């Protein structure tokens, strides 16, 4: 009677993955790779925003038609975009110094050996 209630179950296959699922293909394996991935993402998105704001500033400058207020506003857009670009360069430089101090590589520009 006990055999009718309890049945033996056998594993169908032994090739079940034991590694955790990683959506980035196994690249985020330690704290260093997480740090590099996040800072690279911030730098890439920041550069995209700098390009967009520079383009918007130049378009505003071209379409200002000599209006002093519109010209000054366009100049502010371009100035702030350049400041943002310099800030992103500083973030990249600081990240490089930190990674160099801890003896790690950065793969943003192909430095992953």
C-alpha atoms as a PDB file:
ATOM      1  CA  UNK A   1       0.000   0.000   0.000  1.00  0.00           C
ATOM      2  CA  UNK A   2       2.884   2.376   0.806  1.00  0.00           C
ATOM      3  CA  UNK A   3       4.345   1.823  -2.675  1.00  0.00           C
ATOM      4  CA  UNK A   4       1.171   3.211  -4.249  1.00  0.00           C
ATOM      5  CA  UNK A   5       1.486   6.506  -2.371  1.00  0.00           C
ATOM      6  CA  UNK A   6       5.234   7.007  -2.733  1.00  0.00           C
ATOM      7  CA  UNK A   7       6.930   6.643  -6.073  1.00  0.00           C
ATOM      8  CA  UNK A   8      10.634   6.864  -6.742  1.00  0.00           C
ATOM      9  CA  UNK A   9      11.805   9.819  -8.816  1.00  0.00           C
ATOM     10  CA  UNK A  10      15.013   9.659 -10.825  1.00  0.00           C
ATOM     11  CA  UNK A  11      16.902  12.557 -12.328  1.00  0.00           C
ATOM     12  CA  UNK A  12      16.400  12.715 -16.069  1.00  0.00           C
ATOM     13  CA  UNK A  13      19.704  14.383 -16.913  1.00  0.00           C
ATOM     14  CA  UNK A  14      22.956  15.294 -15.224  1.00  0.00           C
ATOM     15  CA  UNK A  15      23.802  18.271 -17.451  1.00  0.00           C
ATOM     16  CA  UNK A  16      21.863  20.776 -15.356  1.00  0.00           C
ATOM     17  CA  UNK A  17      23.751  24.086 -15.117  1.00  0.00           C
ATOM     18  CA  UNK A  18      25.068  24.822 -11.652  1.00  0.00           C
ATOM     19  CA  UNK A  19      26.281  28.370 -12.327  1.00  0.00           C
ATOM     20  CA  UNK A  20      23.920  31.255 -11.538  1.00  0.00           C
ATOM     21  CA  UNK A  21      22.194  32.866 -14.494  1.00  0.00           C
ATOM     22  CA  UNK A  22      23.899  36.118 -15.480  1.00  0.00           C
ATOM     23  CA  UNK A  23      22.167  38.294 -18.094  1.00  0.00           C
ATOM     24  CA  UNK A  24      25.483  39.874 -19.132  1.00  0.00           C
ATOM     25  CA  UNK A  25      27.089  36.612 -20.164  1.00  0.00           C
ATOM     26  CA  UNK A  26      29.157  36.007 -17.038  1.00  0.00           C
ATOM     27  CA  UNK A  27      30.985  39.327 -17.155  1.00  0.00           C
ATOM     28  CA  UNK A  28      29.891  40.501 -13.694  1.00  0.00           C
ATOM     29  CA  UNK A  29      31.758  38.030 -11.562  1.00  0.00           C
ATOM     30  CA  UNK A  30      33.293  40.286  -8.903  1.00  0.00           C
ATOM     31  CA  UNK A  31      33.068  43.784  -7.432  1.00  0.00           C
ATOM     32  CA  UNK A  32      35.669  45.139  -9.858  1.00  0.00           C
ATOM     33  CA  UNK A  33      33.678  44.114 -12.922  1.00  0.00           C
ATOM     34  CA  UNK A  34      30.494  45.616 -11.444  1.00  0.00           C
ATOM     35  CA  UNK A  35      32.339  48.904 -10.767  1.00  0.00           C
ATOM     36  CA  UNK A  36      33.788  48.995 -14.287  1.00  0.00           C
ATOM     37  CA  UNK A  37      30.441  48.113 -15.904  1.00  0.00           C
ATOM     38  CA  UNK A  38      28.525  50.809 -14.012  1.00  0.00           C
ATOM     39  CA  UNK A  39      31.108  53.543 -14.637  1.00  0.00           C
ATOM     40  CA  UNK A  40      31.354  52.602 -18.320  1.00  0.00           C
ATOM     41  CA  UNK A  41      27.565  52.811 -18.603  1.00  0.00           C
ATOM     42  CA  UNK A  42      27.552  56.259 -16.948  1.00  0.00           C
ATOM     43  CA  UNK A  43      30.343  57.487 -19.228  1.00  0.00           C
ATOM     44  CA  UNK A  44      28.680  56.227 -22.411  1.00  0.00           C
ATOM     45  CA  UNK A  45      25.277  57.688 -21.497  1.00  0.00           C
ATOM     46  CA  UNK A  46      26.941  60.929 -20.424  1.00  0.00           C
ATOM     47  CA  UNK A  47      28.792  61.237 -23.713  1.00  0.00           C
ATOM     48  CA  UNK A  48      25.554  60.700 -25.591  1.00  0.00           C
ATOM     49  CA  UNK A  49      23.939  63.494 -23.567  1.00  0.00           C
ATOM     50  CA  UNK A  50      26.926  65.801 -24.177  1.00  0.00           C
ATOM     51  CA  UNK A  51      26.611  65.295 -27.930  1.00  0.00           C
ATOM     52  CA  UNK A  52      22.849  65.932 -27.828  1.00  0.00           C
ATOM     53  CA  UNK A  53      23.236  69.094 -25.733  1.00  0.00           C
ATOM     54  CA  UNK A  54      26.042  70.392 -27.957  1.00  0.00           C
ATOM     55  CA  UNK A  55      23.894  69.839 -31.031  1.00  0.00           C
ATOM     56  CA  UNK A  56      20.899  71.521 -29.382  1.00  0.00           C
ATOM     57  CA  UNK A  57      23.072  74.482 -28.352  1.00  0.00           C
ATOM     58  CA  UNK A  58      24.475  74.906 -31.840  1.00  0.00           C
ATOM     59  CA  UNK A  59      21.014  74.615 -33.402  1.00  0.00           C
ATOM     60  CA  UNK A  60      19.681  77.239 -30.978  1.00  0.00           C
ATOM     61  CA  UNK A  61      22.631  79.474 -31.807  1.00  0.00           C
ATOM     62  CA  UNK A  62      22.071  79.153 -35.552  1.00  0.00           C
ATOM     63  CA  UNK A  63      18.319  79.760 -35.265  1.00  0.00           C
ATOM     64  CA  UNK A  64      18.651  82.678 -32.824  1.00  0.00           C
ATOM     65  CA  UNK A  65      18.762  85.141 -35.763  1.00  0.00           C
ATOM     66  CA  UNK A  66      20.786  87.668 -33.790  1.00  0.00           C
ATOM     67  CA  UNK A  67      18.413  87.791 -30.816  1.00  0.00           C
ATOM     68  CA  UNK A  68      20.604  88.575 -27.822  1.00  0.00           C
ATOM     69  CA  UNK A  69      18.604  86.514 -25.297  1.00  0.00           C
ATOM     70  CA  UNK A  70      18.424  83.466 -27.563  1.00  0.00           C
ATOM     71  CA  UNK A  71      22.148  83.747 -28.361  1.00  0.00           C
ATOM     72  CA  UNK A  72      23.061  83.906 -24.670  1.00  0.00           C
ATOM     73  CA  UNK A  73      20.829  80.910 -23.931  1.00  0.00           C
ATOM     74  CA  UNK A  74      22.446  78.911 -26.742  1.00  0.00           C
ATOM     75  CA  UNK A  75      25.880  79.874 -25.424  1.00  0.00           C
ATOM     76  CA  UNK A  76      24.889  78.563 -21.972  1.00  0.00           C
ATOM     77  CA  UNK A  77      23.768  75.225 -23.483  1.00  0.00           C
ATOM     78  CA  UNK A  78      27.108  74.816 -25.252  1.00  0.00           C
ATOM     79  CA  UNK A  79      29.080  75.895 -22.182  1.00  0.00           C
ATOM     80  CA  UNK A  80      27.263  73.449 -19.908  1.00  0.00           C
ATOM     81  CA  UNK A  81      27.699  70.636 -22.441  1.00  0.00           C
ATOM     82  CA  UNK A  82      31.451  71.296 -22.590  1.00  0.00           C
ATOM     83  CA  UNK A  83      31.632  71.359 -18.775  1.00  0.00           C
ATOM     84  CA  UNK A  84      29.778  68.037 -18.735  1.00  0.00           C
ATOM     85  CA  UNK A  85      32.239  66.576 -21.232  1.00  0.00           C
ATOM     86  CA  UNK A  86      35.196  67.709 -19.108  1.00  0.00           C
ATOM     87  CA  UNK A  87      33.498  66.194 -16.052  1.00  0.00           C
ATOM     88  CA  UNK A  88      33.081  62.879 -17.880  1.00  0.00           C
ATOM     89  CA  UNK A  89      36.743  62.943 -18.838  1.00  0.00           C
ATOM     90  CA  UNK A  90      37.630  63.454 -15.165  1.00  0.00           C
ATOM     91  CA  UNK A  91      35.384  60.526 -14.183  1.00  0.00           C
ATOM     92  CA  UNK A  92      37.159  58.334 -16.753  1.00  0.00           C
ATOM     93  CA  UNK A  93      40.588  59.475 -15.530  1.00  0.00           C
ATOM     94  CA  UNK A  94      39.712  58.878 -11.862  1.00  0.00           C
ATOM     95  CA  UNK A  95      38.340  55.444 -12.737  1.00  0.00           C
ATOM     96  CA  UNK A  96      41.580  54.636 -14.552  1.00  0.00           C
ATOM     97  CA  UNK A  97      43.663  55.717 -11.559  1.00  0.00           C
ATOM     98  CA  UNK A  98      41.556  53.631  -9.162  1.00  0.00           C
ATOM     99  CA  UNK A  99      41.751  50.559 -11.399  1.00  0.00           C
ATOM    100  CA  UNK A 100      45.497  51.041 -11.814  1.00  0.00           C
ATOM    101  CA  UNK A 101      45.965  51.255  -8.033  1.00  0.00           C
ATOM    102  CA  UNK A 102      44.118  47.981  -7.458  1.00  0.00           C
ATOM    103  CA  UNK A 103      45.828  46.303 -10.429  1.00  0.00           C
ATOM    104  CA  UNK A 104      42.760  45.764 -12.616  1.00  0.00           C
ATOM    105  CA  UNK A 105      42.049  46.375 -16.290  1.00  0.00           C
ATOM    106  CA  UNK A 106      39.388  48.502 -17.952  1.00  0.00           C
ATOM    107  CA  UNK A 107      37.589  47.102 -20.991  1.00  0.00           C
ATOM    108  CA  UNK A 108      35.914  50.315 -22.216  1.00  0.00           C
ATOM    109  CA  UNK A 109      38.562  50.953 -24.882  1.00  0.00           C
ATOM    110  CA  UNK A 110      39.673  47.371 -25.402  1.00  0.00           C
ATOM    111  CA  UNK A 111      42.055  47.151 -22.426  1.00  0.00           C
ATOM    112  CA  UNK A 112      40.754  43.735 -21.373  1.00  0.00           C
ATOM    113  CA  UNK A 113      43.708  41.321 -21.789  1.00  0.00           C
END
